Amino acid sequence: MNEEWVVVSVTYDPLEAEMIKSLLESGGVPVVLRSSRVGIYPLNIKKMGETEILVREEDKEIAEKIAKG
């Protein structure tokens, strides 16, 4: 089965991305983080520093509710 993953949030702070991931997973929502960060340097030049938080399309609505609190 081919699952479709969608972006529910974008952040430039890796700690914030991990916190959102943890929050969603504690609510039973599988999460994938996709980062454009290059190397070990903390570059935040446009899209180079962003981290996308992705969930399955079927979980998007509940993920948005959980993330908003």
N, C-alpha and C. Protein backbone atom coordinates (compact mmCIF):
# COMPACT_ATOMS: atom_id res chain seq x y z
N MET A 1 0.84 -1.18 0.00
CA MET A 1 0.00 0.00 0.00
C MET A 1 0.89 1.25 0.00
N ASN A 2 0.57 2.18 -0.88
CA ASN A 2 1.34 3.41 -1.01
C ASN A 2 0.72 4.50 -0.14
N GLU A 3 1.44 4.92 0.90
CA GLU A 3 0.92 5.97 1.78
C GLU A 3 1.38 7.33 1.27
N GLU A 4 0.50 8.29 1.32
CA GLU A 4 0.81 9.65 0.92
C GLU A 4 1.13 10.45 2.19
N TRP A 5 2.29 11.11 2.21
CA TRP A 5 2.71 11.93 3.35
C TRP A 5 2.57 13.40 2.96
N VAL A 6 2.07 14.21 3.90
CA VAL A 6 1.85 15.63 3.65
C VAL A 6 2.52 16.47 4.74
N VAL A 7 2.91 17.67 4.38
CA VAL A 7 3.55 18.59 5.33
C VAL A 7 2.47 19.27 6.16
N VAL A 8 2.63 19.20 7.49
CA VAL A 8 1.69 19.89 8.37
C VAL A 8 2.32 21.10 9.05
N SER A 9 3.65 21.16 9.02
CA SER A 9 4.33 22.29 9.64
C SER A 9 5.76 22.37 9.11
N VAL A 10 6.32 23.58 9.16
CA VAL A 10 7.72 23.79 8.77
C VAL A 10 8.35 24.67 9.85
N THR A 11 9.56 24.30 10.28
CA THR A 11 10.26 25.08 11.28
C THR A 11 11.74 25.18 10.90
N TYR A 12 12.40 26.19 11.43
CA TYR A 12 13.84 26.35 11.22
C TYR A 12 14.62 25.96 12.47
N ASP A 13 13.90 25.48 13.49
CA ASP A 13 14.52 25.08 14.75
C ASP A 13 14.40 23.56 14.91
N PRO A 14 15.53 22.84 14.85
CA PRO A 14 15.46 21.38 14.94
C PRO A 14 14.87 20.89 16.27
N LEU A 15 15.09 21.62 17.34
CA LEU A 15 14.51 21.23 18.64
C LEU A 15 12.99 21.35 18.59
N GLU A 16 12.50 22.42 17.99
CA GLU A 16 11.05 22.59 17.84
C GLU A 16 10.46 21.45 17.00
N ALA A 17 11.15 21.06 15.95
CA ALA A 17 10.68 19.96 15.09
C ALA A 17 10.58 18.67 15.90
N GLU A 18 11.58 18.40 16.72
CA GLU A 18 11.56 17.18 17.55
C GLU A 18 10.44 17.24 18.59
N MET A 19 10.18 18.42 19.13
CA MET A 19 9.10 18.57 20.11
C MET A 19 7.74 18.33 19.46
N ILE A 20 7.53 18.87 18.28
CA ILE A 20 6.27 18.66 17.55
C ILE A 20 6.12 17.19 17.21
N LYS A 21 7.20 16.56 16.75
CA LYS A 21 7.18 15.13 16.42
C LYS A 21 6.78 14.31 17.64
N SER A 22 7.39 14.60 18.77
CA SER A 22 7.09 13.88 20.01
C SER A 22 5.63 14.05 20.42
N LEU A 23 5.14 15.27 20.32
CA LEU A 23 3.75 15.56 20.66
C LEU A 23 2.79 14.77 19.77
N LEU A 24 3.03 14.78 18.48
CA LEU A 24 2.17 14.05 17.55
C LEU A 24 2.24 12.55 17.77
N GLU A 25 3.44 12.03 17.97
CA GLU A 25 3.58 10.59 18.18
C GLU A 25 2.92 10.15 19.48
N SER A 26 2.93 11.01 20.51
CA SER A 26 2.26 10.67 21.76
C SER A 26 0.74 10.62 21.57
N GLY A 27 0.26 11.28 20.51
CA GLY A 27 -1.16 11.23 20.17
C GLY A 27 -1.48 10.12 19.18
N GLY A 28 -0.49 9.28 18.88
CA GLY A 28 -0.71 8.14 18.00
C GLY A 28 -0.55 8.44 16.52
N VAL A 29 0.05 9.58 16.19
CA VAL A 29 0.21 9.96 14.78
C VAL A 29 1.66 9.72 14.35
N PRO A 30 1.89 8.82 13.37
CA PRO A 30 3.25 8.61 12.86
C PRO A 30 3.76 9.89 12.18
N VAL A 31 5.04 10.19 12.39
CA VAL A 31 5.63 11.43 11.88
C VAL A 31 6.97 11.14 11.20
N VAL A 32 7.24 11.90 10.15
CA VAL A 32 8.53 11.88 9.48
C VAL A 32 9.04 13.31 9.44
N LEU A 33 10.30 13.51 9.83
CA LEU A 33 10.93 14.82 9.72
C LEU A 33 11.81 14.81 8.48
N ARG A 34 11.69 15.84 7.66
CA ARG A 34 12.51 15.96 6.46
C ARG A 34 13.25 17.30 6.55
N SER A 35 14.57 17.21 6.64
CA SER A 35 15.38 18.39 6.84
C SER A 35 16.18 18.73 5.59
N SER A 36 16.32 20.01 5.34
CA SER A 36 17.15 20.51 4.24
C SER A 36 18.49 20.99 4.76
N ARG A 37 18.72 20.79 6.05
CA ARG A 37 19.96 21.25 6.69
C ARG A 37 21.14 20.54 6.04
N VAL A 38 22.20 21.29 5.79
CA VAL A 38 23.37 20.75 5.13
C VAL A 38 24.53 20.72 6.12
N GLY A 39 25.10 19.56 6.35
CA GLY A 39 26.26 19.43 7.22
C GLY A 39 25.95 19.73 8.67
N ILE A 40 27.00 20.02 9.41
CA ILE A 40 26.87 20.25 10.85
C ILE A 40 26.71 21.72 11.20
N TYR A 41 26.78 22.58 10.20
CA TYR A 41 26.72 24.01 10.45
C TYR A 41 25.28 24.50 10.55
N PRO A 42 25.00 25.37 11.51
CA PRO A 42 23.62 25.84 11.71
C PRO A 42 23.22 26.92 10.70
N LEU A 43 23.14 26.53 9.44
CA LEU A 43 22.76 27.47 8.39
C LEU A 43 21.24 27.55 8.27
N ASN A 44 20.73 28.75 8.25
CA ASN A 44 19.30 28.96 8.06
C ASN A 44 19.09 29.94 6.92
N ILE A 45 19.62 29.60 5.76
CA ILE A 45 19.51 30.46 4.59
C ILE A 45 18.37 29.94 3.73
N LYS A 46 17.27 30.63 3.80
CA LYS A 46 16.05 30.24 3.09
C LYS A 46 15.73 28.78 3.40
N LYS A 47 15.55 27.96 2.40
CA LYS A 47 15.13 26.57 2.61
C LYS A 47 16.23 25.66 3.15
N MET A 48 17.47 26.13 3.19
CA MET A 48 18.57 25.27 3.63
C MET A 48 18.45 24.85 5.09
N GLY A 49 17.79 25.63 5.92
CA GLY A 49 17.72 25.33 7.33
C GLY A 49 16.38 24.82 7.80
N GLU A 50 15.46 24.60 6.88
CA GLU A 50 14.12 24.23 7.33
C GLU A 50 13.96 22.73 7.56
N THR A 51 13.06 22.41 8.45
CA THR A 51 12.66 21.03 8.71
C THR A 51 11.16 20.94 8.51
N GLU A 52 10.74 20.03 7.66
CA GLU A 52 9.31 19.80 7.42
C GLU A 52 8.84 18.67 8.31
N ILE A 53 7.65 18.84 8.89
CA ILE A 53 7.01 17.81 9.69
C ILE A 53 5.92 17.20 8.81
N LEU A 54 6.07 15.92 8.52
CA LEU A 54 5.13 15.24 7.63
C LEU A 54 4.35 14.17 8.38
N VAL A 55 3.08 14.02 8.02
CA VAL A 55 2.23 12.95 8.54
C VAL A 55 1.52 12.31 7.35
N ARG A 56 0.95 11.14 7.60
CA ARG A 56 0.16 10.51 6.54
C ARG A 56 -1.04 11.39 6.24
N GLU A 57 -1.42 11.42 4.99
CA GLU A 57 -2.53 12.28 4.57
C GLU A 57 -3.79 12.02 5.40
N GLU A 58 -4.02 10.76 5.73
CA GLU A 58 -5.21 10.40 6.51
C GLU A 58 -5.15 10.92 7.94
N ASP A 59 -3.95 11.27 8.43
CA ASP A 59 -3.78 11.78 9.80
C ASP A 59 -3.66 13.30 9.86
N LYS A 60 -3.72 13.97 8.72
CA LYS A 60 -3.47 15.42 8.67
C LYS A 60 -4.41 16.21 9.58
N GLU A 61 -5.67 15.94 9.52
CA GLU A 61 -6.63 16.71 10.31
C GLU A 61 -6.38 16.56 11.81
N ILE A 62 -6.20 15.33 12.27
CA ILE A 62 -5.96 15.11 13.70
C ILE A 62 -4.60 15.70 14.12
N ALA A 63 -3.60 15.61 13.23
CA ALA A 63 -2.28 16.17 13.53
C ALA A 63 -2.36 17.67 13.73
N GLU A 64 -3.12 18.34 12.89
CA GLU A 64 -3.26 19.80 13.02
C GLU A 64 -3.97 20.16 14.32
N LYS A 65 -4.96 19.36 14.73
CA LYS A 65 -5.66 19.61 16.00
C LYS A 65 -4.72 19.40 17.18
N ILE A 66 -3.93 18.33 17.14
CA ILE A 66 -2.99 18.05 18.23
C ILE A 66 -1.95 19.15 18.33
N ALA A 67 -1.41 19.56 17.20
CA ALA A 67 -0.34 20.57 17.19
C ALA A 67 -0.83 21.92 17.70
N LYS A 68 -2.09 22.24 17.47
CA LYS A 68 -2.63 23.52 17.93
C LYS A 68 -2.98 23.50 19.41
N GLY A 69 -3.09 22.28 19.98
CA GLY A 69 -3.36 22.15 21.41
C GLY A 69 -4.79 22.24 21.68
